Amino acid sequence: VRLVESGGGLVQPGGSLRLSCVASRNIFSISAMGWYRQAPGKRRELVASITSGGNTNFADSVKGRFTISRDSAKNTVYLQMNSLKPEDTAVYYCNAVMVTLIRNDYWGQGTQVTVSA
């Protein structure tokens, strides 16, 4: 599965951004897709995920501010980020999980999000 992210950039605190992740295959054939982020000097962490069945999960730090959605016709998953804070600054990575006999994780190249005045 190839994943291509877009939509990162520089935004002021309180602003919004929408990240997009285009997958190379039908997203309903993918067990789960999600967004992770990694800030300098920190471990990569899950931000939000959505399963093929539509179940979503969010990190506590983004609940109420971020939403995850998908467009199956475009094989695309979105991360809508509102009320952005400086601590949201990180490289955001799209992730796809394929589970057959084993779990396989696929990653995009990452897109930088910087929240600064």
N, C-alpha and C. Protein backbone atom coordinates (compact mmCIF):
# COMPACT_ATOMS: atom_id res chain seq x y z
N VAL A 1 0.85 -1.18 0.00
CA VAL A 1 0.00 0.00 0.00
C VAL A 1 0.89 1.24 0.00
N ARG A 2 0.69 2.10 -0.98
CA ARG A 2 1.43 3.36 -1.00
C ARG A 2 0.52 4.47 -0.50
N LEU A 3 1.10 5.35 0.30
CA LEU A 3 0.34 6.43 0.91
C LEU A 3 1.03 7.75 0.60
N VAL A 4 0.25 8.72 0.19
CA VAL A 4 0.79 10.04 -0.12
C VAL A 4 0.01 11.09 0.66
N GLU A 5 0.73 11.80 1.54
CA GLU A 5 0.08 12.83 2.35
C GLU A 5 0.24 14.20 1.71
N SER A 6 -0.66 15.08 2.09
CA SER A 6 -0.55 16.48 1.69
C SER A 6 -1.36 17.31 2.67
N GLY A 7 -1.13 18.63 2.62
CA GLY A 7 -1.95 19.54 3.42
C GLY A 7 -1.26 20.18 4.61
N GLY A 8 -0.02 19.79 4.88
CA GLY A 8 0.67 20.41 5.99
C GLY A 8 1.06 21.85 5.69
N GLY A 9 1.57 22.52 6.71
CA GLY A 9 2.00 23.89 6.51
C GLY A 9 2.14 24.63 7.81
N LEU A 10 2.25 25.94 7.69
CA LEU A 10 2.39 26.82 8.85
C LEU A 10 1.04 27.48 9.12
N VAL A 11 0.62 27.44 10.37
CA VAL A 11 -0.65 28.04 10.75
C VAL A 11 -0.50 28.69 12.11
N GLN A 12 -1.27 29.72 12.35
CA GLN A 12 -1.23 30.39 13.64
C GLN A 12 -2.03 29.61 14.68
N PRO A 13 -1.70 29.78 15.95
CA PRO A 13 -2.50 29.13 17.00
C PRO A 13 -3.98 29.50 16.86
N GLY A 14 -4.82 28.48 17.03
CA GLY A 14 -6.25 28.67 16.85
C GLY A 14 -6.73 28.41 15.45
N GLY A 15 -5.81 28.26 14.52
CA GLY A 15 -6.16 28.03 13.13
C GLY A 15 -6.50 26.58 12.84
N SER A 16 -6.75 26.32 11.55
CA SER A 16 -7.15 24.99 11.11
C SER A 16 -6.32 24.54 9.90
N LEU A 17 -6.17 23.25 9.78
CA LEU A 17 -5.57 22.63 8.61
C LEU A 17 -6.29 21.32 8.35
N ARG A 18 -6.28 20.90 7.09
CA ARG A 18 -6.79 19.58 6.76
C ARG A 18 -5.72 18.81 6.03
N LEU A 19 -5.38 17.66 6.58
CA LEU A 19 -4.41 16.77 5.95
C LEU A 19 -5.16 15.72 5.13
N SER A 20 -4.56 15.35 4.02
CA SER A 20 -5.12 14.31 3.16
C SER A 20 -4.12 13.19 2.98
N CYS A 21 -4.62 11.98 2.88
CA CYS A 21 -3.78 10.81 2.63
C CYS A 21 -4.46 9.98 1.56
N VAL A 22 -3.81 9.88 0.41
CA VAL A 22 -4.34 9.09 -0.69
C VAL A 22 -3.66 7.74 -0.69
N ALA A 23 -4.47 6.68 -0.68
CA ALA A 23 -3.96 5.31 -0.68
C ALA A 23 -3.99 4.74 -2.10
N SER A 24 -3.10 3.78 -2.33
CA SER A 24 -2.98 3.19 -3.67
C SER A 24 -3.98 2.08 -3.91
N ARG A 25 -4.83 1.82 -2.91
CA ARG A 25 -5.85 0.79 -3.08
C ARG A 25 -7.12 1.21 -2.36
N ASN A 26 -8.20 0.49 -2.62
CA ASN A 26 -9.47 0.76 -1.99
C ASN A 26 -9.32 0.78 -0.47
N ILE A 27 -9.69 1.89 0.16
CA ILE A 27 -9.47 2.01 1.60
C ILE A 27 -10.33 1.05 2.42
N PHE A 28 -11.42 0.55 1.85
CA PHE A 28 -12.23 -0.40 2.59
C PHE A 28 -11.57 -1.78 2.62
N SER A 29 -10.54 -1.98 1.79
CA SER A 29 -9.77 -3.23 1.85
C SER A 29 -8.65 -3.14 2.87
N ILE A 30 -8.49 -1.98 3.47
CA ILE A 30 -7.45 -1.74 4.48
C ILE A 30 -8.08 -1.86 5.86
N SER A 31 -7.46 -2.60 6.75
CA SER A 31 -8.05 -2.88 8.06
C SER A 31 -8.29 -1.58 8.84
N ALA A 32 -7.32 -0.72 8.82
CA ALA A 32 -7.45 0.55 9.53
C ALA A 32 -6.49 1.55 8.93
N MET A 33 -6.88 2.80 8.99
CA MET A 33 -5.98 3.88 8.57
C MET A 33 -5.95 4.92 9.67
N GLY A 34 -4.83 5.60 9.76
CA GLY A 34 -4.71 6.57 10.82
C GLY A 34 -3.65 7.60 10.57
N TRP A 35 -3.55 8.50 11.50
CA TRP A 35 -2.55 9.55 11.48
C TRP A 35 -1.73 9.47 12.76
N TYR A 36 -0.43 9.51 12.59
CA TYR A 36 0.50 9.59 13.71
C TYR A 36 1.27 10.90 13.55
N ARG A 37 1.91 11.30 14.64
CA ARG A 37 2.77 12.47 14.56
C ARG A 37 4.01 12.26 15.41
N GLN A 38 5.06 12.96 15.00
CA GLN A 38 6.32 12.88 15.74
C GLN A 38 6.92 14.27 15.81
N ALA A 39 7.06 14.75 17.03
CA ALA A 39 7.71 16.03 17.27
C ALA A 39 9.19 15.79 17.55
N PRO A 40 10.04 16.79 17.35
CA PRO A 40 11.47 16.62 17.60
C PRO A 40 11.75 16.12 19.01
N GLY A 41 12.54 15.08 19.11
CA GLY A 41 12.92 14.54 20.40
C GLY A 41 11.86 13.70 21.08
N LYS A 42 10.75 13.47 20.39
CA LYS A 42 9.66 12.69 21.00
C LYS A 42 9.35 11.45 20.16
N ARG A 43 8.67 10.52 20.78
CA ARG A 43 8.28 9.31 20.09
C ARG A 43 7.08 9.57 19.19
N ARG A 44 6.98 8.76 18.15
CA ARG A 44 5.81 8.85 17.27
C ARG A 44 4.58 8.41 18.06
N GLU A 45 3.49 9.16 17.92
CA GLU A 45 2.28 8.86 18.67
C GLU A 45 1.06 8.85 17.75
N LEU A 46 0.10 8.02 18.12
CA LEU A 46 -1.14 7.97 17.37
C LEU A 46 -1.95 9.23 17.65
N VAL A 47 -2.47 9.82 16.58
CA VAL A 47 -3.33 10.98 16.69
C VAL A 47 -4.79 10.57 16.52
N ALA A 48 -5.08 9.85 15.45
CA ALA A 48 -6.45 9.43 15.17
C ALA A 48 -6.41 8.24 14.22
N SER A 49 -7.42 7.40 14.31
CA SER A 49 -7.51 6.26 13.41
C SER A 49 -8.97 5.96 13.10
N ILE A 50 -9.15 5.26 11.99
CA ILE A 50 -10.48 4.84 11.58
C ILE A 50 -10.36 3.44 10.99
N THR A 51 -11.24 2.54 11.42
CA THR A 51 -11.20 1.18 10.91
C THR A 51 -12.03 1.07 9.65
N SER A 52 -11.91 -0.06 8.98
CA SER A 52 -12.71 -0.27 7.78
C SER A 52 -14.20 -0.24 8.10
N GLY A 53 -14.55 -0.57 9.35
CA GLY A 53 -15.94 -0.54 9.77
C GLY A 53 -16.42 0.82 10.21
N GLY A 54 -15.50 1.79 10.24
CA GLY A 54 -15.88 3.15 10.59
C GLY A 54 -15.67 3.55 12.03
N ASN A 55 -15.11 2.66 12.84
CA ASN A 55 -14.82 3.01 14.23
C ASN A 55 -13.62 3.94 14.28
N THR A 56 -13.75 4.99 15.10
CA THR A 56 -12.68 5.97 15.21
C THR A 56 -12.08 5.99 16.61
N ASN A 57 -10.84 6.46 16.66
CA ASN A 57 -10.14 6.55 17.92
C ASN A 57 -9.26 7.80 17.87
N PHE A 58 -9.20 8.53 18.98
CA PHE A 58 -8.43 9.77 19.02
C PHE A 58 -7.56 9.81 20.26
N ALA A 59 -6.40 10.43 20.12
CA ALA A 59 -5.58 10.72 21.29
C ALA A 59 -6.33 11.72 22.17
N ASP A 60 -6.15 11.60 23.47
CA ASP A 60 -6.85 12.51 24.39
C ASP A 60 -6.51 13.97 24.09
N SER A 61 -5.29 14.21 23.66
CA SER A 61 -4.85 15.58 23.45
C SER A 61 -5.53 16.27 22.27
N VAL A 62 -6.19 15.49 21.40
CA VAL A 62 -6.83 16.10 20.23
C VAL A 62 -8.34 15.93 20.21
N LYS A 63 -8.87 15.23 21.18
CA LYS A 63 -10.32 15.01 21.21
C LYS A 63 -11.06 16.34 21.27
N GLY A 64 -12.08 16.43 20.44
CA GLY A 64 -12.86 17.66 20.37
C GLY A 64 -12.30 18.70 19.43
N ARG A 65 -11.07 18.49 18.97
CA ARG A 65 -10.44 19.45 18.05
C ARG A 65 -10.18 18.84 16.67
N PHE A 66 -9.85 17.57 16.62
CA PHE A 66 -9.52 16.89 15.37
C PHE A 66 -10.62 15.91 15.01
N THR A 67 -10.85 15.75 13.73
CA THR A 67 -11.75 14.71 13.24
C THR A 67 -11.07 13.95 12.11
N ILE A 68 -11.44 12.69 11.98
CA ILE A 68 -10.91 11.86 10.89
C ILE A 68 -12.08 11.40 10.04
N SER A 69 -11.90 11.43 8.75
CA SER A 69 -12.97 11.03 7.84
C SER A 69 -12.35 10.40 6.60
N ARG A 70 -13.20 9.88 5.73
CA ARG A 70 -12.69 9.21 4.54
C ARG A 70 -13.64 9.41 3.37
N ASP A 71 -13.07 9.31 2.20
CA ASP A 71 -13.83 9.36 0.95
C ASP A 71 -13.41 8.14 0.15
N SER A 72 -14.23 7.12 0.14
CA SER A 72 -13.86 5.86 -0.51
C SER A 72 -13.71 6.03 -2.01
N ALA A 73 -14.47 6.94 -2.60
CA ALA A 73 -14.38 7.15 -4.05
C ALA A 73 -13.01 7.68 -4.44
N LYS A 74 -12.36 8.37 -3.52
CA LYS A 74 -11.04 8.95 -3.78
C LYS A 74 -9.92 8.18 -3.07
N ASN A 75 -10.27 7.10 -2.39
CA ASN A 75 -9.28 6.33 -1.61
C ASN A 75 -8.48 7.25 -0.70
N THR A 76 -9.18 8.16 -0.05
CA THR A 76 -8.53 9.21 0.73
C THR A 76 -9.08 9.26 2.14
N VAL A 77 -8.17 9.45 3.08
CA VAL A 77 -8.52 9.69 4.47
C VAL A 77 -8.06 11.10 4.83
N TYR A 78 -8.89 11.79 5.60
CA TYR A 78 -8.61 13.17 5.97
C TYR A 78 -8.44 13.31 7.48
N LEU A 79 -7.63 14.26 7.86
CA LEU A 79 -7.53 14.66 9.26
C LEU A 79 -7.81 16.16 9.30
N GLN A 80 -8.97 16.52 9.83
CA GLN A 80 -9.32 17.92 10.01
C GLN A 80 -8.86 18.36 11.38
N MET A 81 -8.01 19.37 11.39
CA MET A 81 -7.42 19.83 12.65
C MET A 81 -7.88 21.27 12.90
N ASN A 82 -8.61 21.44 13.98
CA ASN A 82 -9.11 22.77 14.36
C ASN A 82 -8.51 23.19 15.69
N SER A 83 -8.61 24.46 15.99
CA SER A 83 -8.09 25.00 17.26
C SER A 83 -6.67 24.54 17.51
N LEU A 84 -5.84 24.67 16.52
CA LEU A 84 -4.47 24.16 16.62
C LEU A 84 -3.68 24.90 17.67
N LYS A 85 -2.81 24.15 18.33
CA LYS A 85 -1.95 24.67 19.39
C LYS A 85 -0.48 24.48 19.00
N PRO A 86 0.41 25.26 19.57
CA PRO A 86 1.84 25.07 19.27
C PRO A 86 2.30 23.65 19.54
N GLU A 87 1.74 23.00 20.53
CA GLU A 87 2.14 21.63 20.85
C GLU A 87 1.68 20.61 19.81
N ASP A 88 0.87 21.03 18.86
CA ASP A 88 0.50 20.15 17.75
C ASP A 88 1.57 20.13 16.66
N THR A 89 2.57 20.97 16.79
CA THR A 89 3.65 21.01 15.81
C THR A 89 4.38 19.68 15.76
N ALA A 90 4.47 19.11 14.57
CA ALA A 90 5.10 17.80 14.40
C ALA A 90 5.07 17.44 12.91
N VAL A 91 5.77 16.37 12.59
CA VAL A 91 5.59 15.73 11.29
C VAL A 91 4.46 14.73 11.44
N TYR A 92 3.48 14.83 10.56
CA TYR A 92 2.32 13.96 10.61
C TYR A 92 2.45 12.88 9.53
N TYR A 93 2.24 11.65 9.94
CA TYR A 93 2.39 10.51 9.05
C TYR A 93 1.06 9.76 8.90
N CYS A 94 0.75 9.43 7.68
CA CYS A 94 -0.39 8.57 7.42
C CYS A 94 0.04 7.11 7.58
N ASN A 95 -0.85 6.33 8.15
CA ASN A 95 -0.56 4.92 8.42
C ASN A 95 -1.71 4.06 7.90
N ALA A 96 -1.35 2.92 7.33
CA ALA A 96 -2.35 1.94 6.92
C ALA A 96 -1.97 0.59 7.51
N VAL A 97 -2.95 -0.09 8.05
CA VAL A 97 -2.72 -1.40 8.67
C VAL A 97 -3.46 -2.45 7.87
N MET A 98 -2.71 -3.46 7.43
CA MET A 98 -3.30 -4.60 6.75
C MET A 98 -3.11 -5.81 7.66
N VAL A 99 -4.20 -6.47 7.99
CA VAL A 99 -4.13 -7.65 8.85
C VAL A 99 -4.63 -8.86 8.06
N THR A 100 -3.73 -9.78 7.80
CA THR A 100 -4.12 -11.06 7.21
C THR A 100 -3.74 -12.12 8.23
N LEU A 101 -2.69 -12.84 8.01
CA LEU A 101 -2.18 -13.75 9.05
C LEU A 101 -1.34 -12.97 10.04
N ILE A 102 -0.72 -11.90 9.57
CA ILE A 102 0.08 -11.03 10.43
C ILE A 102 -0.32 -9.60 10.14
N ARG A 103 0.15 -8.70 11.00
CA ARG A 103 -0.11 -7.29 10.81
C ARG A 103 1.03 -6.67 10.02
N ASN A 104 0.67 -5.89 8.99
CA ASN A 104 1.65 -5.12 8.23
C ASN A 104 1.27 -3.65 8.28
N ASP A 105 2.21 -2.82 8.62
CA ASP A 105 2.01 -1.37 8.68
C ASP A 105 2.68 -0.71 7.48
N TYR A 106 1.99 0.26 6.91
CA TYR A 106 2.52 1.03 5.80
C TYR A 106 2.47 2.51 6.18
N TRP A 107 3.48 3.25 5.71
CA TRP A 107 3.62 4.65 6.11
C TRP A 107 3.79 5.55 4.91
N GLY A 108 3.25 6.77 5.05
CA GLY A 108 3.53 7.80 4.08
C GLY A 108 4.84 8.49 4.41
N GLN A 109 5.19 9.48 3.60
CA GLN A 109 6.47 10.15 3.75
C GLN A 109 6.45 11.21 4.84
N GLY A 110 5.27 11.60 5.28
CA GLY A 110 5.14 12.60 6.33
C GLY A 110 4.92 14.00 5.77
N THR A 111 4.21 14.80 6.54
CA THR A 111 3.99 16.20 6.16
C THR A 111 4.12 17.06 7.42
N GLN A 112 4.85 18.16 7.28
CA GLN A 112 5.15 19.00 8.44
C GLN A 112 3.97 19.91 8.74
N VAL A 113 3.62 19.95 10.02
CA VAL A 113 2.62 20.90 10.52
C VAL A 113 3.31 21.75 11.58
N THR A 114 3.29 23.06 11.38
CA THR A 114 3.90 23.98 12.33
C THR A 114 2.85 24.98 12.78
N VAL A 115 2.67 25.04 14.09
CA VAL A 115 1.70 25.98 14.66
C VAL A 115 2.49 27.04 15.43
N SER A 116 2.49 28.23 14.90
CA SER A 116 3.31 29.29 15.49
C SER A 116 2.74 30.64 15.10
N ALA A 117 2.91 31.58 16.03
CA ALA A 117 2.49 32.96 15.74
C ALA A 117 3.58 33.69 14.95
